N, C-alpha and C. Protein backbone atom coordinates (compact mmCIF):
# COMPACT_ATOMS: atom_id res chain seq x y z
N VAL A 1 -8.99 7.68 -76.14
CA VAL A 1 -9.69 6.64 -76.87
C VAL A 1 -8.66 5.87 -77.68
N ARG A 2 -8.74 4.56 -77.61
CA ARG A 2 -7.84 3.69 -78.38
C ARG A 2 -8.68 2.78 -79.26
N ALA A 3 -8.22 2.63 -80.51
CA ALA A 3 -8.91 1.75 -81.46
C ALA A 3 -7.97 1.44 -82.61
N ALA A 4 -8.24 0.33 -83.28
CA ALA A 4 -7.51 0.02 -84.51
C ALA A 4 -8.13 0.85 -85.63
N TYR A 5 -7.26 1.52 -86.37
CA TYR A 5 -7.70 2.33 -87.50
C TYR A 5 -6.70 2.09 -88.63
N CYS A 6 -7.19 1.73 -89.79
CA CYS A 6 -6.33 1.38 -90.93
C CYS A 6 -5.38 0.25 -90.58
N GLY A 7 -5.84 -0.64 -89.72
CA GLY A 7 -5.03 -1.79 -89.34
C GLY A 7 -3.92 -1.50 -88.35
N LEU A 8 -3.89 -0.29 -87.81
CA LEU A 8 -2.86 0.09 -86.85
C LEU A 8 -3.50 0.49 -85.52
N PRO A 9 -2.84 0.19 -84.40
CA PRO A 9 -3.36 0.67 -83.12
C PRO A 9 -3.17 2.18 -83.04
N CYS A 10 -4.23 2.88 -82.72
CA CYS A 10 -4.20 4.35 -82.66
C CYS A 10 -4.78 4.83 -81.33
N GLN A 11 -4.37 6.02 -80.95
CA GLN A 11 -4.85 6.62 -79.72
C GLN A 11 -5.08 8.10 -79.95
N ILE A 12 -6.17 8.61 -79.40
CA ILE A 12 -6.46 10.04 -79.47
C ILE A 12 -6.81 10.55 -78.08
N ARG A 13 -6.64 11.84 -77.91
CA ARG A 13 -7.02 12.48 -76.65
C ARG A 13 -7.82 13.73 -77.03
N VAL A 14 -9.13 13.56 -77.06
CA VAL A 14 -10.00 14.68 -77.45
C VAL A 14 -10.24 15.58 -76.24
N ASP A 15 -10.46 16.86 -76.54
CA ASP A 15 -10.74 17.79 -75.45
C ASP A 15 -12.12 17.54 -74.84
N TRP A 16 -13.10 17.24 -75.71
CA TRP A 16 -14.45 16.98 -75.21
C TRP A 16 -15.20 16.18 -76.26
N PHE A 17 -15.97 15.20 -75.80
CA PHE A 17 -16.80 14.41 -76.70
C PHE A 17 -18.13 14.14 -76.05
N ASN A 18 -19.18 14.24 -76.86
CA ASN A 18 -20.52 13.92 -76.44
C ASN A 18 -21.17 13.18 -77.61
N PRO A 19 -21.78 12.03 -77.37
CA PRO A 19 -22.36 11.27 -78.48
C PRO A 19 -23.33 12.07 -79.35
N ALA A 20 -24.06 12.98 -78.76
CA ALA A 20 -25.02 13.77 -79.54
C ALA A 20 -24.36 14.97 -80.21
N GLU A 21 -23.38 15.57 -79.57
CA GLU A 21 -22.76 16.80 -80.07
C GLU A 21 -21.47 16.56 -80.85
N GLY A 22 -20.86 15.40 -80.66
CA GLY A 22 -19.64 15.08 -81.38
C GLY A 22 -18.39 15.52 -80.66
N VAL A 23 -17.36 15.81 -81.45
CA VAL A 23 -16.04 16.19 -80.94
C VAL A 23 -15.96 17.71 -80.86
N VAL A 24 -15.43 18.20 -79.75
CA VAL A 24 -15.13 19.62 -79.63
C VAL A 24 -13.69 19.74 -79.20
N ASP A 25 -12.90 20.51 -79.97
CA ASP A 25 -11.50 20.71 -79.65
C ASP A 25 -11.28 22.19 -79.33
N LEU A 26 -10.48 22.45 -78.33
CA LEU A 26 -10.18 23.82 -77.91
C LEU A 26 -8.82 24.22 -78.46
N LYS A 27 -8.78 25.36 -79.11
CA LYS A 27 -7.53 25.90 -79.66
C LYS A 27 -7.37 27.34 -79.18
N THR A 28 -6.13 27.73 -78.98
CA THR A 28 -5.85 29.13 -78.68
C THR A 28 -5.25 29.77 -79.92
N CYS A 29 -5.39 31.08 -80.01
CA CYS A 29 -4.85 31.81 -81.16
C CYS A 29 -4.47 33.22 -80.73
N GLU A 30 -3.66 33.85 -81.56
CA GLU A 30 -3.27 35.24 -81.30
C GLU A 30 -4.40 36.20 -81.66
N ASP A 31 -5.06 35.92 -82.79
CA ASP A 31 -6.06 36.84 -83.32
C ASP A 31 -7.20 36.03 -83.91
N LEU A 32 -8.37 36.13 -83.33
CA LEU A 32 -9.53 35.36 -83.77
C LEU A 32 -9.87 35.64 -85.23
N ASP A 33 -9.59 36.87 -85.69
CA ASP A 33 -9.87 37.21 -87.08
C ASP A 33 -9.01 36.40 -88.05
N ARG A 34 -7.89 35.88 -87.60
CA ARG A 34 -6.98 35.10 -88.44
C ARG A 34 -7.06 33.59 -88.14
N PHE A 35 -8.01 33.20 -87.31
CA PHE A 35 -8.07 31.80 -86.90
C PHE A 35 -8.25 30.84 -88.07
N GLU A 36 -9.09 31.17 -89.02
CA GLU A 36 -9.32 30.26 -90.14
C GLU A 36 -8.04 30.02 -90.93
N LEU A 37 -7.22 31.06 -91.09
CA LEU A 37 -5.91 30.89 -91.74
C LEU A 37 -4.99 30.02 -90.89
N ASP A 38 -5.00 30.26 -89.58
CA ASP A 38 -4.18 29.44 -88.67
C ASP A 38 -4.62 27.98 -88.72
N ALA A 39 -5.92 27.74 -88.78
CA ALA A 39 -6.44 26.37 -88.80
C ALA A 39 -5.91 25.62 -90.02
N ARG A 40 -5.85 26.30 -91.15
CA ARG A 40 -5.30 25.67 -92.36
C ARG A 40 -3.79 25.48 -92.21
N ARG A 41 -3.11 26.50 -91.74
CA ARG A 41 -1.65 26.47 -91.60
C ARG A 41 -1.20 25.34 -90.67
N PHE A 42 -1.90 25.13 -89.57
CA PHE A 42 -1.51 24.13 -88.58
C PHE A 42 -2.17 22.77 -88.81
N GLY A 43 -2.96 22.64 -89.87
CA GLY A 43 -3.54 21.34 -90.21
C GLY A 43 -4.58 20.82 -89.24
N TYR A 44 -5.35 21.72 -88.66
CA TYR A 44 -6.34 21.29 -87.68
C TYR A 44 -7.36 20.33 -88.27
N ALA A 45 -7.74 20.50 -89.54
CA ALA A 45 -8.74 19.61 -90.13
C ALA A 45 -8.21 18.18 -90.21
N GLY A 46 -6.93 18.02 -90.50
CA GLY A 46 -6.33 16.68 -90.52
C GLY A 46 -6.37 16.03 -89.15
N GLN A 47 -6.07 16.83 -88.13
CA GLN A 47 -6.13 16.33 -86.76
C GLN A 47 -7.56 15.95 -86.39
N MET A 48 -8.51 16.81 -86.71
CA MET A 48 -9.91 16.54 -86.38
C MET A 48 -10.44 15.33 -87.15
N ALA A 49 -9.99 15.16 -88.40
CA ALA A 49 -10.40 14.00 -89.18
C ALA A 49 -9.88 12.71 -88.54
N PHE A 50 -8.65 12.77 -88.03
CA PHE A 50 -8.08 11.61 -87.35
C PHE A 50 -8.89 11.30 -86.09
N TYR A 51 -9.19 12.32 -85.30
CA TYR A 51 -10.01 12.13 -84.10
C TYR A 51 -11.34 11.47 -84.47
N ARG A 52 -11.99 12.02 -85.47
CA ARG A 52 -13.30 11.53 -85.88
C ARG A 52 -13.22 10.07 -86.34
N SER A 53 -12.19 9.74 -87.10
CA SER A 53 -12.05 8.38 -87.62
C SER A 53 -11.77 7.37 -86.52
N VAL A 54 -10.90 7.72 -85.58
CA VAL A 54 -10.59 6.80 -84.49
C VAL A 54 -11.80 6.63 -83.58
N LEU A 55 -12.50 7.72 -83.29
CA LEU A 55 -13.73 7.61 -82.49
C LEU A 55 -14.75 6.72 -83.18
N ALA A 56 -14.91 6.89 -84.49
CA ALA A 56 -15.86 6.08 -85.24
C ALA A 56 -15.47 4.61 -85.17
N ALA A 57 -14.17 4.33 -85.30
CA ALA A 57 -13.70 2.94 -85.22
C ALA A 57 -13.98 2.36 -83.84
N ALA A 58 -13.75 3.15 -82.80
CA ALA A 58 -13.96 2.67 -81.43
C ALA A 58 -15.44 2.44 -81.14
N ALA A 59 -16.30 3.26 -81.73
CA ALA A 59 -17.74 3.18 -81.45
C ALA A 59 -18.50 2.41 -82.51
N SER A 60 -17.81 1.86 -83.50
CA SER A 60 -18.45 1.15 -84.62
C SER A 60 -19.51 2.03 -85.28
N GLU A 61 -19.14 3.28 -85.53
CA GLU A 61 -20.04 4.23 -86.19
C GLU A 61 -19.42 4.69 -87.49
N LYS A 62 -20.20 5.40 -88.29
CA LYS A 62 -19.68 6.00 -89.51
C LYS A 62 -19.07 7.35 -89.14
N PRO A 63 -17.86 7.65 -89.63
CA PRO A 63 -17.24 8.94 -89.28
C PRO A 63 -18.12 10.14 -89.61
N GLU A 64 -18.82 10.08 -90.74
CA GLU A 64 -19.63 11.23 -91.15
C GLU A 64 -20.79 11.50 -90.20
N ASP A 65 -21.10 10.56 -89.30
CA ASP A 65 -22.16 10.76 -88.32
C ASP A 65 -21.66 11.48 -87.07
N ILE A 66 -20.37 11.78 -87.00
CA ILE A 66 -19.80 12.44 -85.83
C ILE A 66 -19.46 13.89 -86.19
N PRO A 67 -20.23 14.86 -85.67
CA PRO A 67 -19.91 16.26 -85.94
C PRO A 67 -18.62 16.68 -85.22
N VAL A 68 -17.94 17.65 -85.80
CA VAL A 68 -16.68 18.15 -85.24
C VAL A 68 -16.74 19.67 -85.16
N HIS A 69 -16.40 20.19 -83.99
CA HIS A 69 -16.37 21.63 -83.76
C HIS A 69 -15.02 22.03 -83.16
N ILE A 70 -14.63 23.25 -83.43
CA ILE A 70 -13.43 23.83 -82.80
C ILE A 70 -13.85 25.11 -82.10
N VAL A 71 -13.46 25.23 -80.85
CA VAL A 71 -13.63 26.47 -80.10
C VAL A 71 -12.26 27.13 -80.06
N ALA A 72 -12.18 28.35 -80.54
CA ALA A 72 -10.92 29.09 -80.53
C ALA A 72 -11.04 30.26 -79.57
N VAL A 73 -9.98 30.46 -78.78
CA VAL A 73 -9.95 31.54 -77.79
C VAL A 73 -8.65 32.31 -77.96
N GLU A 74 -8.76 33.63 -77.98
CA GLU A 74 -7.57 34.47 -78.09
C GLU A 74 -6.73 34.37 -76.82
N LYS A 75 -5.41 34.40 -77.00
CA LYS A 75 -4.48 34.30 -75.88
C LYS A 75 -4.38 35.60 -75.09
N GLY A 76 -4.76 36.71 -75.70
CA GLY A 76 -4.66 38.01 -75.03
C GLY A 76 -5.99 38.75 -75.07
N GLU A 77 -6.00 39.84 -74.33
CA GLU A 77 -7.23 40.65 -74.28
C GLU A 77 -7.62 41.09 -75.67
N PRO A 78 -8.89 41.10 -75.98
CA PRO A 78 -10.03 40.95 -75.08
C PRO A 78 -10.48 39.50 -74.87
N PHE A 79 -9.65 38.52 -75.23
CA PHE A 79 -9.96 37.10 -75.03
C PHE A 79 -11.25 36.68 -75.74
N ARG A 80 -11.39 37.15 -76.99
CA ARG A 80 -12.58 36.75 -77.75
C ARG A 80 -12.55 35.25 -78.00
N ALA A 81 -13.73 34.69 -78.17
CA ALA A 81 -13.86 33.26 -78.45
C ALA A 81 -14.84 33.07 -79.60
N GLY A 82 -14.62 32.02 -80.36
CA GLY A 82 -15.53 31.70 -81.46
C GLY A 82 -15.64 30.20 -81.61
N VAL A 83 -16.72 29.77 -82.26
CA VAL A 83 -16.95 28.34 -82.48
C VAL A 83 -17.10 28.10 -83.97
N TRP A 84 -16.42 27.07 -84.47
CA TRP A 84 -16.49 26.68 -85.87
C TRP A 84 -16.92 25.23 -85.96
N LYS A 85 -17.85 24.95 -86.87
CA LYS A 85 -18.16 23.57 -87.22
C LYS A 85 -17.26 23.24 -88.41
N VAL A 86 -16.53 22.14 -88.31
CA VAL A 86 -15.61 21.76 -89.39
C VAL A 86 -16.41 21.02 -90.45
N ASP A 87 -16.30 21.48 -91.68
CA ASP A 87 -17.03 20.93 -92.81
C ASP A 87 -16.77 19.44 -92.98
N SER A 88 -17.82 18.66 -93.08
CA SER A 88 -17.71 17.21 -93.18
C SER A 88 -16.97 16.77 -94.44
N LEU A 89 -17.18 17.46 -95.55
CA LEU A 89 -16.47 17.10 -96.79
C LEU A 89 -14.97 17.35 -96.66
N TRP A 90 -14.60 18.42 -95.99
CA TRP A 90 -13.18 18.71 -95.74
C TRP A 90 -12.58 17.61 -94.86
N LEU A 91 -13.34 17.21 -93.83
CA LEU A 91 -12.87 16.13 -92.96
C LEU A 91 -12.73 14.82 -93.73
N ASP A 92 -13.67 14.55 -94.64
CA ASP A 92 -13.58 13.33 -95.46
C ASP A 92 -12.30 13.34 -96.30
N ASP A 93 -11.99 14.48 -96.91
CA ASP A 93 -10.78 14.60 -97.71
C ASP A 93 -9.54 14.42 -96.85
N CYS A 94 -9.52 15.03 -95.69
CA CYS A 94 -8.39 14.87 -94.76
C CYS A 94 -8.26 13.43 -94.29
N ALA A 95 -9.39 12.77 -94.06
CA ALA A 95 -9.36 11.37 -93.62
C ALA A 95 -8.72 10.50 -94.70
N ARG A 96 -9.02 10.77 -95.97
CA ARG A 96 -8.38 10.01 -97.05
C ARG A 96 -6.86 10.21 -97.03
N ARG A 97 -6.43 11.44 -96.80
CA ARG A 97 -4.98 11.72 -96.72
C ARG A 97 -4.37 11.04 -95.50
N ASN A 98 -5.09 11.05 -94.39
CA ASN A 98 -4.60 10.35 -93.19
C ASN A 98 -4.44 8.86 -93.46
N GLU A 99 -5.41 8.28 -94.16
CA GLU A 99 -5.35 6.85 -94.46
C GLU A 99 -4.17 6.51 -95.36
N ILE A 100 -3.86 7.38 -96.31
CA ILE A 100 -2.67 7.18 -97.16
C ILE A 100 -1.41 7.23 -96.30
N ALA A 101 -1.36 8.19 -95.39
CA ALA A 101 -0.19 8.32 -94.50
C ALA A 101 -0.05 7.10 -93.60
N LEU A 102 -1.17 6.58 -93.10
CA LEU A 102 -1.10 5.41 -92.23
C LEU A 102 -0.68 4.15 -93.01
N ARG A 103 -1.14 4.03 -94.25
CA ARG A 103 -0.69 2.91 -95.08
C ARG A 103 0.82 3.01 -95.34
N ARG A 104 1.29 4.23 -95.59
CA ARG A 104 2.73 4.44 -95.80
C ARG A 104 3.50 4.09 -94.52
N LEU A 105 2.99 4.48 -93.38
CA LEU A 105 3.62 4.13 -92.10
C LEU A 105 3.73 2.62 -91.95
N ALA A 106 2.64 1.90 -92.24
CA ALA A 106 2.66 0.44 -92.13
C ALA A 106 3.69 -0.17 -93.09
N GLU A 107 3.77 0.37 -94.31
CA GLU A 107 4.75 -0.12 -95.28
C GLU A 107 6.18 0.13 -94.79
N CYS A 108 6.43 1.31 -94.25
CA CYS A 108 7.77 1.63 -93.74
C CYS A 108 8.14 0.71 -92.58
N ARG A 109 7.22 0.48 -91.68
CA ARG A 109 7.49 -0.42 -90.55
C ARG A 109 7.80 -1.83 -91.05
N ALA A 110 7.03 -2.29 -92.04
CA ALA A 110 7.22 -3.65 -92.55
C ALA A 110 8.55 -3.79 -93.29
N SER A 111 8.94 -2.76 -94.04
CA SER A 111 10.16 -2.85 -94.85
C SER A 111 11.41 -2.40 -94.12
N GLY A 112 11.22 -1.60 -93.07
CA GLY A 112 12.37 -1.03 -92.37
C GLY A 112 13.00 0.13 -93.13
N SER A 113 12.36 0.55 -94.20
CA SER A 113 12.85 1.67 -95.02
C SER A 113 11.96 2.88 -94.78
N TRP A 114 12.59 4.02 -94.49
CA TRP A 114 11.85 5.22 -94.14
C TRP A 114 12.20 6.36 -95.09
N PRO A 115 11.74 6.29 -96.35
CA PRO A 115 12.09 7.36 -97.30
C PRO A 115 11.48 8.69 -96.89
N THR A 116 12.21 9.76 -97.19
CA THR A 116 11.75 11.10 -96.85
C THR A 116 11.08 11.81 -98.01
N GLY A 117 11.34 11.32 -99.23
CA GLY A 117 10.86 12.02 -100.41
C GLY A 117 11.87 13.03 -100.90
N TYR A 118 13.00 13.13 -100.20
CA TYR A 118 14.07 14.08 -100.56
C TYR A 118 15.40 13.35 -100.75
N GLU A 119 15.33 12.11 -101.22
CA GLU A 119 16.55 11.32 -101.35
C GLU A 119 17.47 11.83 -102.47
N GLY A 120 16.92 12.41 -103.50
CA GLY A 120 17.72 12.87 -104.64
C GLY A 120 18.18 14.31 -104.46
N LEU A 121 19.13 14.69 -105.30
CA LEU A 121 19.63 16.07 -105.31
C LEU A 121 18.55 17.00 -105.82
N ARG A 122 18.37 18.11 -105.17
CA ARG A 122 17.38 19.10 -105.56
C ARG A 122 18.11 20.39 -105.89
N VAL A 123 17.51 21.22 -106.70
CA VAL A 123 18.11 22.49 -107.11
C VAL A 123 17.28 23.63 -106.52
N LEU A 124 17.97 24.54 -105.88
CA LEU A 124 17.32 25.73 -105.33
C LEU A 124 17.78 26.92 -106.15
N SER A 125 16.83 27.61 -106.75
CA SER A 125 17.18 28.71 -107.63
C SER A 125 16.04 29.73 -107.62
N ASP A 126 16.42 30.98 -107.88
CA ASP A 126 15.38 32.00 -108.01
C ASP A 126 15.22 32.42 -109.47
N LEU A 127 15.91 31.70 -110.39
CA LEU A 127 15.80 31.99 -111.81
C LEU A 127 14.49 31.44 -112.34
N LYS A 128 13.86 32.19 -113.16
CA LYS A 128 12.58 31.77 -113.73
C LYS A 128 12.78 31.20 -115.10
């Protein structure tokens, strides 16, 4: 799916979409019991918020009207699987962060300056 989002051309490749059921993304994991921790660690909500926002832009819909689910499957036996509905408020918060990042991207492209946030000298210490 391609659409302009935050004034930039964007593209997503969703695993599955149905207008009534929303977005479903398939993820693999080592241990289903740890999937929720993995989802936070790997930023899945940010990715799903981006998918939802671009789909909404392409379909002229409100993002909050598009449900988002993740199906997680273990990579090894017993190959358990689970389904999670991603909280809409969490997706809204992630979408705001995505929009800030996209505005920053547009500013960097326009200025030709790509700051990292680590331009100054930093101190690494274990002293408290």
